Amino acid sequence: MDWFDRLYFGTWQLGGQFKNLSPAYIESLLLFAISSGIRRFDTAAVYGGGKVEEMLGACLPEDAVIVTKIPAASKPNLEAPEPIQRFYSRDGIHRSVYGSLERLRRSSIDTVLLHNWLPTWSSEAVVILECLKGLKDEGIVKRVGISLPDNFSYPVAEAVLPHIDVIEAPFNTEQTWALQQLPYLLDLKKEVLLRSLFKQGKLLTDPHSAEMVARNALTLGTSVVIGMTTEEQVTRNINYLKGEVT
């Protein structure tokens, strides 16, 4: 597998979470990433209030692979779980996806994920997941799935797995749930995107720790989502992947 099939450019940080980056700077960074061979980008409808999707739509070529996420009506609480219907509806899903299509300037999106997920959602979530399948049937999206929150430490329910293609999950020195279920998910031909490798940049102050986390993620045989805000970071991550992926 080639390195560019493993690396997703994470765009959360482009929405101003760490520091304000000018549109011109972001455009230059994205164009540098594209010219360096990156073709996969991970984003969400809520990043920068939709501004990040708009910038991606203006910069990315047609062959770029985009993963975007549908926000819940409000953020679910792991400590006080409620039914999925409290947070997602067919109309809400359709509004979000069509809004993303407009901002991304595309007629279809490679992958759409539910941005918020609770471990208690199982068989009752199938109705909502069937809404996503309907978008696949219409050719509006190619793949669907779920994004797991920080501190998620449960297997994804068996009732859910037949209805999804992709799972995005945190993986770092403090969050290693993926080690429990990942081999099974890969056997089922699910793509697993490992994110938050550096704990939103906290590990970047210790290059050795950051390198070890990245190395461990790569050995798991799946994909990684890495946020980058400088050309130097883009080059470093690409060179590392080139050396590790065969």
C-alpha atoms as a PDB file:
ATOM      1  CA  MET A   1       0.000   0.000   0.000  1.00  0.00           C
ATOM      2  CA  ASP A   2       1.398   3.421  -0.983  1.00  0.00           C
ATOM      3  CA  TRP A   3       1.927   6.111   1.646  1.00  0.00           C
ATOM      4  CA  PHE A   4      -0.662   8.429   0.092  1.00  0.00           C
ATOM      5  CA  ASP A   5      -3.318   5.764   0.635  1.00  0.00           C
ATOM      6  CA  ARG A   6      -2.567   5.827   4.368  1.00  0.00           C
ATOM      7  CA  LEU A   7      -2.300   9.535   5.164  1.00  0.00           C
ATOM      8  CA  TYR A   8      -5.298  11.837   5.617  1.00  0.00           C
ATOM      9  CA  PHE A   9      -4.625  15.550   6.015  1.00  0.00           C
ATOM     10  CA  GLY A  10      -6.640  16.531   9.096  1.00  0.00           C
ATOM     11  CA  THR A  11      -8.239  19.967   8.835  1.00  0.00           C
ATOM     12  CA  TRP A  12      -9.643  20.556  12.341  1.00  0.00           C
ATOM     13  CA  GLN A  13      -6.797  22.935  13.141  1.00  0.00           C
ATOM     14  CA  LEU A  14      -7.561  25.064  10.065  1.00  0.00           C
ATOM     15  CA  GLY A  15     -10.733  26.311  11.751  1.00  0.00           C
ATOM     16  CA  GLY A  16      -8.782  28.494  14.190  1.00  0.00           C
ATOM     17  CA  GLN A  17      -8.563  26.148  17.202  1.00  0.00           C
ATOM     18  CA  PHE A  18      -4.818  26.661  17.769  1.00  0.00           C
ATOM     19  CA  LYS A  19      -4.235  29.979  16.041  1.00  0.00           C
ATOM     20  CA  ASN A  20      -5.852  32.052  13.364  1.00  0.00           C
ATOM     21  CA  LEU A  21      -4.507  31.195   9.929  1.00  0.00           C
ATOM     22  CA  SER A  22      -5.309  33.524   7.061  1.00  0.00           C
ATOM     23  CA  PRO A  23      -7.261  32.163   4.077  1.00  0.00           C
ATOM     24  CA  ALA A  24      -4.233  32.880   1.869  1.00  0.00           C
ATOM     25  CA  TYR A  25      -1.962  30.885   4.191  1.00  0.00           C
ATOM     26  CA  ILE A  26      -4.405  27.958   4.319  1.00  0.00           C
ATOM     27  CA  GLU A  27      -4.746  27.941   0.534  1.00  0.00           C
ATOM     28  CA  SER A  28      -0.964  27.905   0.141  1.00  0.00           C
ATOM     29  CA  LEU A  29      -0.645  25.067   2.675  1.00  0.00           C
ATOM     30  CA  LEU A  30      -3.318  22.964   0.970  1.00  0.00           C
ATOM     31  CA  LEU A  31      -1.758  23.512  -2.451  1.00  0.00           C
ATOM     32  CA  PHE A  32       1.634  22.499  -1.051  1.00  0.00           C
ATOM     33  CA  ALA A  33       0.123  19.320   0.404  1.00  0.00           C
ATOM     34  CA  ILE A  34      -1.506  18.515  -2.945  1.00  0.00           C
ATOM     35  CA  SER A  35       1.708  19.165  -4.876  1.00  0.00           C
ATOM     36  CA  SER A  36       3.493  16.866  -2.396  1.00  0.00           C
ATOM     37  CA  GLY A  37       1.156  13.995  -3.256  1.00  0.00           C
ATOM     38  CA  ILE A  38      -1.491  14.124  -0.528  1.00  0.00           C
ATOM     39  CA  ARG A  39      -4.912  13.249  -1.920  1.00  0.00           C
ATOM     40  CA  ARG A  40      -6.943  12.436   1.211  1.00  0.00           C
ATOM     41  CA  PHE A  41      -8.481  15.058   3.483  1.00  0.00           C
ATOM     42  CA  ASP A  42     -10.502  14.734   6.690  1.00  0.00           C
ATOM     43  CA  THR A  43     -12.901  17.523   7.637  1.00  0.00           C
ATOM     44  CA  ALA A  44     -16.332  18.218   9.152  1.00  0.00           C
ATOM     45  CA  ALA A  45     -19.293  20.482   8.527  1.00  0.00           C
ATOM     46  CA  VAL A  46     -18.673  22.315  11.824  1.00  0.00           C
ATOM     47  CA  TYR A  47     -14.976  23.071  11.357  1.00  0.00           C
ATOM     48  CA  GLY A  48     -14.707  26.834  11.271  1.00  0.00           C
ATOM     49  CA  GLY A  49     -18.490  27.040  11.005  1.00  0.00           C
ATOM     50  CA  GLY A  50     -18.298  25.560   7.487  1.00  0.00           C
ATOM     51  CA  LYS A  51     -15.392  27.755   6.367  1.00  0.00           C
ATOM     52  CA  VAL A  52     -12.953  24.838   6.236  1.00  0.00           C
ATOM     53  CA  GLU A  53     -15.167  22.911   3.814  1.00  0.00           C
ATOM     54  CA  GLU A  54     -15.430  26.049   1.691  1.00  0.00           C
ATOM     55  CA  MET A  55     -11.637  26.368   1.512  1.00  0.00           C
ATOM     56  CA  LEU A  56     -11.271  22.716   0.603  1.00  0.00           C
ATOM     57  CA  GLY A  57     -13.883  23.142  -2.103  1.00  0.00           C
ATOM     58  CA  ALA A  58     -11.927  26.026  -3.575  1.00  0.00           C
ATOM     59  CA  CYS A  59      -8.527  24.268  -3.497  1.00  0.00           C
ATOM     60  CA  LEU A  60      -8.871  20.526  -3.899  1.00  0.00           C
ATOM     61  CA  PRO A  61      -8.721  18.750  -7.266  1.00  0.00           C
ATOM     62  CA  GLU A  62     -11.474  16.417  -8.394  1.00  0.00           C
ATOM     63  CA  ASP A  63      -9.421  13.312  -7.564  1.00  0.00           C
ATOM     64  CA  ALA A  64      -9.038  14.315  -3.902  1.00  0.00           C
ATOM     65  CA  VAL A  65     -10.707  11.960  -1.415  1.00  0.00           C
ATOM     66  CA  ILE A  66     -12.734  13.820   1.203  1.00  0.00           C
ATOM     67  CA  VAL A  67     -14.092  12.532   4.501  1.00  0.00           C
ATOM     68  CA  THR A  68     -16.574  14.883   6.148  1.00  0.00           C
ATOM     69  CA  LYS A  69     -18.813  14.566   9.192  1.00  0.00           C
ATOM     70  CA  ILE A  70     -22.439  15.303  10.047  1.00  0.00           C
ATOM     71  CA  PRO A  71     -22.874  17.047  13.413  1.00  0.00           C
ATOM     72  CA  ALA A  72     -25.473  15.943  15.933  1.00  0.00           C
ATOM     73  CA  ALA A  73     -28.259  18.372  16.860  1.00  0.00           C
ATOM     74  CA  SER A  74     -26.444  18.724  20.204  1.00  0.00           C
ATOM     75  CA  LYS A  75     -23.402  16.981  21.597  1.00  0.00           C
ATOM     76  CA  PRO A  76     -24.238  13.568  23.128  1.00  0.00           C
ATOM     77  CA  ASN A  77     -23.095  12.933  26.686  1.00  0.00           C
ATOM     78  CA  LEU A  78     -21.198   9.714  27.369  1.00  0.00           C
ATOM     79  CA  GLU A  79     -22.189   9.949  31.026  1.00  0.00           C
ATOM     80  CA  ALA A  80     -25.938  10.351  30.363  1.00  0.00           C
ATOM     81  CA  PRO A  81     -26.713   8.580  27.082  1.00  0.00           C
ATOM     82  CA  GLU A  82     -29.945   9.232  25.208  1.00  0.00           C
ATOM     83  CA  PRO A  83     -31.419   7.573  22.076  1.00  0.00           C
ATOM     84  CA  ILE A  84     -29.766   8.426  18.770  1.00  0.00           C
ATOM     85  CA  GLN A  85     -33.032   9.900  17.468  1.00  0.00           C
ATOM     86  CA  ARG A  86     -32.546  12.714  19.978  1.00  0.00           C
ATOM     87  CA  PHE A  87     -29.485  13.810  18.017  1.00  0.00           C
ATOM     88  CA  TYR A  88     -29.933  12.711  14.397  1.00  0.00           C
ATOM     89  CA  SER A  89     -32.865  12.702  11.983  1.00  0.00           C
ATOM     90  CA  ARG A  90     -33.317  12.001   8.309  1.00  0.00           C
ATOM     91  CA  ASP A  91     -33.988  15.667   7.546  1.00  0.00           C
ATOM     92  CA  GLY A  92     -30.998  16.819   9.582  1.00  0.00           C
ATOM     93  CA  ILE A  93     -28.704  14.358   7.851  1.00  0.00           C
ATOM     94  CA  HIS A  94     -29.887  15.435   4.407  1.00  0.00           C
ATOM     95  CA  ARG A  95     -29.516  19.129   5.217  1.00  0.00           C
ATOM     96  CA  SER A  96     -26.000  18.621   6.488  1.00  0.00           C
ATOM     97  CA  VAL A  97     -24.834  16.503   3.546  1.00  0.00           C
ATOM     98  CA  TYR A  98     -26.291  18.804   0.914  1.00  0.00           C
ATOM     99  CA  GLY A  99     -24.742  21.773   2.710  1.00  0.00           C
ATOM    100  CA  SER A 100     -21.359  20.026   2.629  1.00  0.00           C
ATOM    101  CA  LEU A 101     -21.776  19.256  -1.067  1.00  0.00           C
ATOM    102  CA  GLU A 102     -22.363  22.929  -1.779  1.00  0.00           C
ATOM    103  CA  ARG A 103     -19.402  24.102   0.276  1.00  0.00           C
ATOM    104  CA  LEU A 104     -17.116  21.410  -1.146  1.00  0.00           C
ATOM    105  CA  ARG A 105     -18.311  22.186  -4.692  1.00  0.00           C
ATOM    106  CA  ARG A 106     -18.954  18.532  -5.433  1.00  0.00           C
ATOM    107  CA  SER A 107     -21.757  16.384  -6.715  1.00  0.00           C
ATOM    108  CA  SER A 108     -20.716  13.526  -4.415  1.00  0.00           C
ATOM    109  CA  ILE A 109     -18.521  12.926  -1.363  1.00  0.00           C
ATOM    110  CA  ASP A 110     -16.303   9.907  -0.848  1.00  0.00           C
ATOM    111  CA  THR A 111     -17.099   9.367   2.848  1.00  0.00           C
ATOM    112  CA  VAL A 112     -19.649  10.814   5.271  1.00  0.00           C
ATOM    113  CA  LEU A 113     -19.531  10.007   8.997  1.00  0.00           C
ATOM    114  CA  LEU A 114     -21.838  10.741  11.893  1.00  0.00           C
ATOM    115  CA  HIS A 115     -19.642  13.121  13.889  1.00  0.00           C
ATOM    116  CA  ASN A 116     -20.887  12.022  17.319  1.00  0.00           C
ATOM    117  CA  TRP A 117     -21.412   8.449  18.502  1.00  0.00           C
ATOM    118  CA  LEU A 118     -22.294   6.750  21.785  1.00  0.00           C
ATOM    119  CA  PRO A 119     -21.480   3.150  22.727  1.00  0.00           C
ATOM    120  CA  THR A 120     -25.095   2.598  23.789  1.00  0.00           C
ATOM    121  CA  TRP A 121     -26.329   3.127  20.229  1.00  0.00           C
ATOM    122  CA  SER A 122     -26.843  -0.295  18.720  1.00  0.00           C
ATOM    123  CA  SER A 123     -29.823  -1.855  16.943  1.00  0.00           C
ATOM    124  CA  GLU A 124     -31.961   1.290  17.338  1.00  0.00           C
ATOM    125  CA  ALA A 125     -29.291   3.238  15.418  1.00  0.00           C
ATOM    126  CA  VAL A 126     -29.874   1.158  12.280  1.00  0.00           C
ATOM    127  CA  VAL A 127     -32.796   3.379  11.252  1.00  0.00           C
ATOM    128  CA  ILE A 128     -30.487   6.412  11.222  1.00  0.00           C
ATOM    129  CA  LEU A 129     -27.712   4.506   9.477  1.00  0.00           C
ATOM    130  CA  GLU A 130     -30.226   3.490   6.823  1.00  0.00           C
ATOM    131  CA  CYS A 131     -30.593   7.221   6.039  1.00  0.00           C
ATOM    132  CA  LEU A 132     -26.921   7.236   5.183  1.00  0.00           C
ATOM    133  CA  LYS A 133     -27.343   4.110   3.074  1.00  0.00           C
ATOM    134  CA  GLY A 134     -30.034   5.949   1.127  1.00  0.00           C
ATOM    135  CA  LEU A 135     -27.465   8.606   0.236  1.00  0.00           C
ATOM    136  CA  LYS A 136     -25.174   5.836  -0.992  1.00  0.00           C
ATOM    137  CA  ASP A 137     -27.966   4.379  -3.110  1.00  0.00           C
ATOM    138  CA  GLU A 138     -28.499   7.810  -4.670  1.00  0.00           C
ATOM    139  CA  GLY A 139     -24.783   8.103  -5.488  1.00  0.00           C
ATOM    140  CA  ILE A 140     -24.370  11.180  -3.279  1.00  0.00           C
ATOM    141  CA  VAL A 141     -21.825   9.457  -1.021  1.00  0.00           C
ATOM    142  CA  LYS A 142     -19.650   6.421  -1.646  1.00  0.00           C
ATOM    143  CA  ARG A 143     -19.036   5.284   1.918  1.00  0.00           C
ATOM    144  CA  VAL A 144     -20.625   5.953   5.302  1.00  0.00           C
ATOM    145  CA  GLY A 145     -19.603   5.473   8.881  1.00  0.00           C
ATOM    146  CA  ILE A 146     -19.164   6.852  12.376  1.00  0.00           C
ATOM    147  CA  SER A 147     -16.634   8.980  14.252  1.00  0.00           C
ATOM    148  CA  LEU A 148     -15.946   7.885  17.820  1.00  0.00           C
ATOM    149  CA  PRO A 149     -15.420  10.505  20.543  1.00  0.00           C
ATOM    150  CA  ASP A 150     -12.441  10.884  22.836  1.00  0.00           C
ATOM    151  CA  ASN A 151     -12.431   8.371  25.697  1.00  0.00           C
ATOM    152  CA  PHE A 152     -14.514   5.871  23.720  1.00  0.00           C
ATOM    153  CA  SER A 153     -13.496   2.501  25.159  1.00  0.00           C
ATOM    154  CA  TYR A 154     -16.129   0.031  23.976  1.00  0.00           C
ATOM    155  CA  PRO A 155     -16.361  -2.274  20.956  1.00  0.00           C
ATOM    156  CA  VAL A 156     -18.575  -0.940  18.195  1.00  0.00           C
ATOM    157  CA  ALA A 157     -21.787  -2.958  18.440  1.00  0.00           C
ATOM    158  CA  GLU A 158     -22.198  -5.940  16.124  1.00  0.00           C
ATOM    159  CA  ALA A 159     -25.626  -4.686  15.057  1.00  0.00           C
ATOM    160  CA  VAL A 160     -24.003  -1.523  13.692  1.00  0.00           C
ATOM    161  CA  LEU A 161     -21.083  -2.994  11.742  1.00  0.00           C
ATOM    162  CA  PRO A 162     -22.991  -4.283   8.661  1.00  0.00           C
ATOM    163  CA  HIS A 163     -24.274  -0.748   8.031  1.00  0.00           C
ATOM    164  CA  ILE A 164     -20.988   1.151   8.002  1.00  0.00           C
ATOM    165  CA  ASP A 165     -17.842   1.195   5.880  1.00  0.00           C
ATOM    166  CA  VAL A 166     -15.562   3.510   7.875  1.00  0.00           C
ATOM    167  CA  ILE A 167     -14.805   4.156  11.545  1.00  0.00           C
ATOM    168  CA  GLU A 168     -12.757   7.111  12.764  1.00  0.00           C
ATOM    169  CA  ALA A 169     -11.314   6.791  16.246  1.00  0.00           C
ATOM    170  CA  PRO A 170      -8.797   8.449  18.568  1.00  0.00           C
ATOM    171  CA  PHE A 171      -5.513   6.633  19.099  1.00  0.00           C
ATOM    172  CA  ASN A 172      -2.618   7.846  21.231  1.00  0.00           C
ATOM    173  CA  THR A 173      -0.729   7.040  24.412  1.00  0.00           C
ATOM    174  CA  GLU A 174      -3.873   7.563  26.511  1.00  0.00           C
ATOM    175  CA  GLN A 175      -6.503   6.148  24.159  1.00  0.00           C
ATOM    176  CA  THR A 176      -5.765   2.685  22.813  1.00  0.00           C
ATOM    177  CA  TRP A 177      -9.215   1.084  22.472  1.00  0.00           C
ATOM    178  CA  ALA A 178      -8.446   0.419  18.804  1.00  0.00           C
ATOM    179  CA  LEU A 179      -6.002  -2.303  19.765  1.00  0.00           C
ATOM    180  CA  GLN A 180      -8.930  -4.382  21.055  1.00  0.00           C
ATOM    181  CA  GLN A 181     -11.224  -4.377  18.011  1.00  0.00           C
ATOM    182  CA  LEU A 182      -9.041  -3.222  15.130  1.00  0.00           C
ATOM    183  CA  PRO A 183      -7.969  -6.663  13.819  1.00  0.00           C
ATOM    184  CA  TYR A 184     -11.613  -7.738  13.674  1.00  0.00           C
ATOM    185  CA  LEU A 185     -12.670  -4.540  11.908  1.00  0.00           C
ATOM    186  CA  LEU A 186      -9.928  -4.944   9.323  1.00  0.00           C
ATOM    187  CA  ASP A 187     -10.990  -8.560   8.745  1.00  0.00           C
ATOM    188  CA  LEU A 188     -14.457  -7.178   7.972  1.00  0.00           C
ATOM    189  CA  LYS A 189     -12.837  -4.834   5.390  1.00  0.00           C
ATOM    190  CA  LYS A 190     -13.729  -1.696   7.335  1.00  0.00           C
ATOM    191  CA  GLU A 191     -11.414   1.267   6.938  1.00  0.00           C
ATOM    192  CA  VAL A 192     -10.334   2.623  10.303  1.00  0.00           C
ATOM    193  CA  LEU A 193      -8.994   6.177  10.471  1.00  0.00           C
ATOM    194  CA  LEU A 194      -6.872   6.767  13.562  1.00  0.00           C
ATOM    195  CA  ARG A 195      -6.894  10.408  14.683  1.00  0.00           C
ATOM    196  CA  SER A 196      -5.633  12.526  17.594  1.00  0.00           C
ATOM    197  CA  LEU A 197      -2.290  10.710  17.439  1.00  0.00           C
ATOM    198  CA  PHE A 198      -0.554  13.662  19.070  1.00  0.00           C
ATOM    199  CA  LYS A 199      -3.384  14.634  21.451  1.00  0.00           C
ATOM    200  CA  GLN A 200      -4.188  17.883  19.616  1.00  0.00           C
ATOM    201  CA  GLY A 201      -0.519  18.814  19.439  1.00  0.00           C
ATOM    202  CA  LYS A 202       0.438  18.120  23.054  1.00  0.00           C
ATOM    203  CA  LEU A 203       2.895  15.391  22.067  1.00  0.00           C
ATOM    204  CA  LEU A 204       4.566  17.604  19.486  1.00  0.00           C
ATOM    205  CA  THR A 205       6.619  19.151  22.292  1.00  0.00           C
ATOM    206  CA  ASP A 206       8.273  15.745  22.633  1.00  0.00           C
ATOM    207  CA  PRO A 207       9.354  14.649  19.122  1.00  0.00           C
ATOM    208  CA  HIS A 208      10.428  11.209  20.316  1.00  0.00           C
ATOM    209  CA  SER A 209       7.002  10.459  21.827  1.00  0.00           C
ATOM    210  CA  ALA A 210       5.227  11.809  18.741  1.00  0.00           C
ATOM    211  CA  GLU A 211       7.364   9.644  16.476  1.00  0.00           C
ATOM    212  CA  MET A 212       6.670   6.550  18.543  1.00  0.00           C
ATOM    213  CA  VAL A 213       2.916   7.154  18.450  1.00  0.00           C
ATOM    214  CA  ALA A 214       3.017   7.554  14.675  1.00  0.00           C
ATOM    215  CA  ARG A 215       5.169   4.420  14.327  1.00  0.00           C
ATOM    216  CA  ASN A 216       2.767   2.388  16.459  1.00  0.00           C
ATOM    217  CA  ALA A 217      -0.223   3.602  14.445  1.00  0.00           C
ATOM    218  CA  LEU A 218       1.408   2.685  11.146  1.00  0.00           C
ATOM    219  CA  THR A 219       2.200  -0.856  12.289  1.00  0.00           C
ATOM    220  CA  LEU A 220      -1.521  -1.451  12.836  1.00  0.00           C
ATOM    221  CA  GLY A 221      -2.099  -1.603   9.079  1.00  0.00           C
ATOM    222  CA  THR A 222      -4.737   1.091   8.813  1.00  0.00           C
ATOM    223  CA  SER A 223      -4.976   4.814   7.971  1.00  0.00           C
ATOM    224  CA  VAL A 224      -3.932   7.844   9.999  1.00  0.00           C
ATOM    225  CA  VAL A 225      -5.350  11.371  10.176  1.00  0.00           C
ATOM    226  CA  ILE A 226      -2.672  13.964  10.942  1.00  0.00           C
ATOM    227  CA  GLY A 227      -3.325  17.676  11.288  1.00  0.00           C
ATOM    228  CA  MET A 228      -0.638  19.880   9.751  1.00  0.00           C
ATOM    229  CA  THR A 229      -0.240  23.655   9.842  1.00  0.00           C
ATOM    230  CA  THR A 230       3.165  24.144   8.193  1.00  0.00           C
ATOM    231  CA  GLU A 231       4.868  22.946   5.035  1.00  0.00           C
ATOM    232  CA  GLU A 232       7.626  21.493   7.218  1.00  0.00           C
ATOM    233  CA  GLN A 233       5.081  19.302   9.018  1.00  0.00           C
ATOM    234  CA  VAL A 234       3.654  18.137   5.695  1.00  0.00           C
ATOM    235  CA  THR A 235       7.102  17.175   4.425  1.00  0.00           C
ATOM    236  CA  ARG A 236       8.124  15.473   7.671  1.00  0.00           C
ATOM    237  CA  ASN A 237       4.999  13.316   7.855  1.00  0.00           C
ATOM    238  CA  ILE A 238       5.233  12.336   4.205  1.00  0.00           C
ATOM    239  CA  ASN A 239       8.893  11.389   4.508  1.00  0.00           C
ATOM    240  CA  TYR A 240       8.143   9.348   7.601  1.00  0.00           C
ATOM    241  CA  LEU A 241       5.340   7.490   5.872  1.00  0.00           C
ATOM    242  CA  LYS A 242       7.471   6.873   2.818  1.00  0.00           C
ATOM    243  CA  GLY A 243      10.014   5.191   5.039  1.00  0.00           C
ATOM    244  CA  GLU A 244       7.497   3.046   6.920  1.00  0.00           C
ATOM    245  CA  VAL A 245       4.904   2.021   4.337  1.00  0.00           C
ATOM    246  CA  THR A 246       5.787  -0.677   1.837  1.00  0.00           C
END
